[in-house]
Amino acid sequence: MKFDYQAYDRHGAKHNGAIDASSLEDAKKQLKQQNLTVVKLQETLANNRSKASGPIKPLTLKELEIMTSELALLLESGVRIDRGLDILAKGSESNLGRVMSQLASAVRKGDSLSSAMSNLKGFDHVYVSLVKMAEESGNLPLVFGQLAKELKFKCELKAKIIQSLTYPAVILFVCVACILFVFNFIVPRMSGLFEQAAELPVYTEMLLGLSAWMQSYQIYLLIGVIGCVCFTLHLANTGQLKSWVSRVFSQTPGLKSSILLVNRIQVSSSMAMLLTSGVKLDQALKLACDGITWIELQNSLNAARSKVSGGESLTLALSNTELYSDLSLSLIEVGEESGELARVFDEVAHRSRADFESWTSKLTSILEPLMILVMGGIVGGVVVVMLLSITSLNDVAI
């Protein structure tokens, strides 16, 4: 059972929190052993207990950002970590509330926050390592603030990409719906007129044949589309989709630069936070490379880490990878010489974010009119063929 309490210590300082106990008397006994004078003690509300029950799923990016931002704010305000987790558990719904409740319970039992996070899905190696270093150095509010800033950027970038793809997706859906309507309702009604003609133009025969094929096999097309969607969702749930997309993009001219930018942002921002938290260079490089889904790039960065561990300079080791430009490598070299590597990686990450936002804006500005032209050309082509077919019937009649 869990009990919420309000108490004062021997110095008159107020304490609010929650405690696990078998009964109300047991809770009072535990608080007394902590030299606390209890002024309020009650069992946690049932709706809060229910949040701790049920299956715990990995946190989404948005849930992780909300948790990190609010926890950073609470810690900066002087709230203890277990109390902060309890506050978030009470104010959060469903899965996030269950995660917060489990973390709070583990911390009250004596586990470190980083250890509790490592036992749950949704917290990557970089996140857990930063929290662990922050616990050892006493900089939890600062580290959570940095993590919140990074996660906020990722959420905004994800939202921007989804927003950019929404309009072309709507255009594609409308175009497909129009084509299906024409081939299922318009062309079949006109086929009786075409049967009267002794000889039909090639494009008319193709139109009639395509319409007949669509009517016969469109159910199989629908099943195929649903199967592809389900397979894609399966890959996304297993984490294989990112790896597949990275592999395709890395082999596609014009898109390889975008994948490099995304990975540069990820590695640079992680390196900046890890080095600021006091992680050793080779260990920071290892942790920063863990989340990379482009296998070839990950292998080259692991090779670079081995060279750094062997005494080679970071700049020289990274120059054998495709990740950083010559300008970025020059900045990293200056950072090595001046001992400001964390600051340099933060600057590289900032510039890379700006470059990627510019790239997505340009892609959107090109993709939207291109989709309109392509889809309009397809629908317009079908309409033109229909008009030409009708005109050819009039010519035959004359």
Foldseek 3Di string as FASTA:
>chain_A
DKKWFWWAAPVGDIDTAMDDDPDPVRVVVVCVVVRTGTPDMDHDDPVLVVLLDDDADADDLVLVLVLLVQQLVCVVVVHDNLRSLSVQLVVDDHRSNNLSVQLSVCVNVPDQSLVSVVVDHHQAPLRSVLSVLCVVVVNSSVLSVLVSVVSVLVVVVVVLLCVLVPLLVVLVVVLVVLVLCCLAPVLVVCVVLVVPDPDFDPLNVVSVVVSVVCVVCVVVVVVVVVVVVVVLVVCVVVVNNLLVVLVVQCPDPPSVVLLLLVLLLQLLSSLLSCVVSPHDDLVSLVRSLPPRSDVVQSVLSPQLSVVVVVPDDSLVSCVPGPNDDPVLSVLCVVCVVVVNNSVSSVVSSVVSSVVNVVVSVVCSVVVNVVSVVVSVCVSVVSVVSVVVRVVVSVVSVD
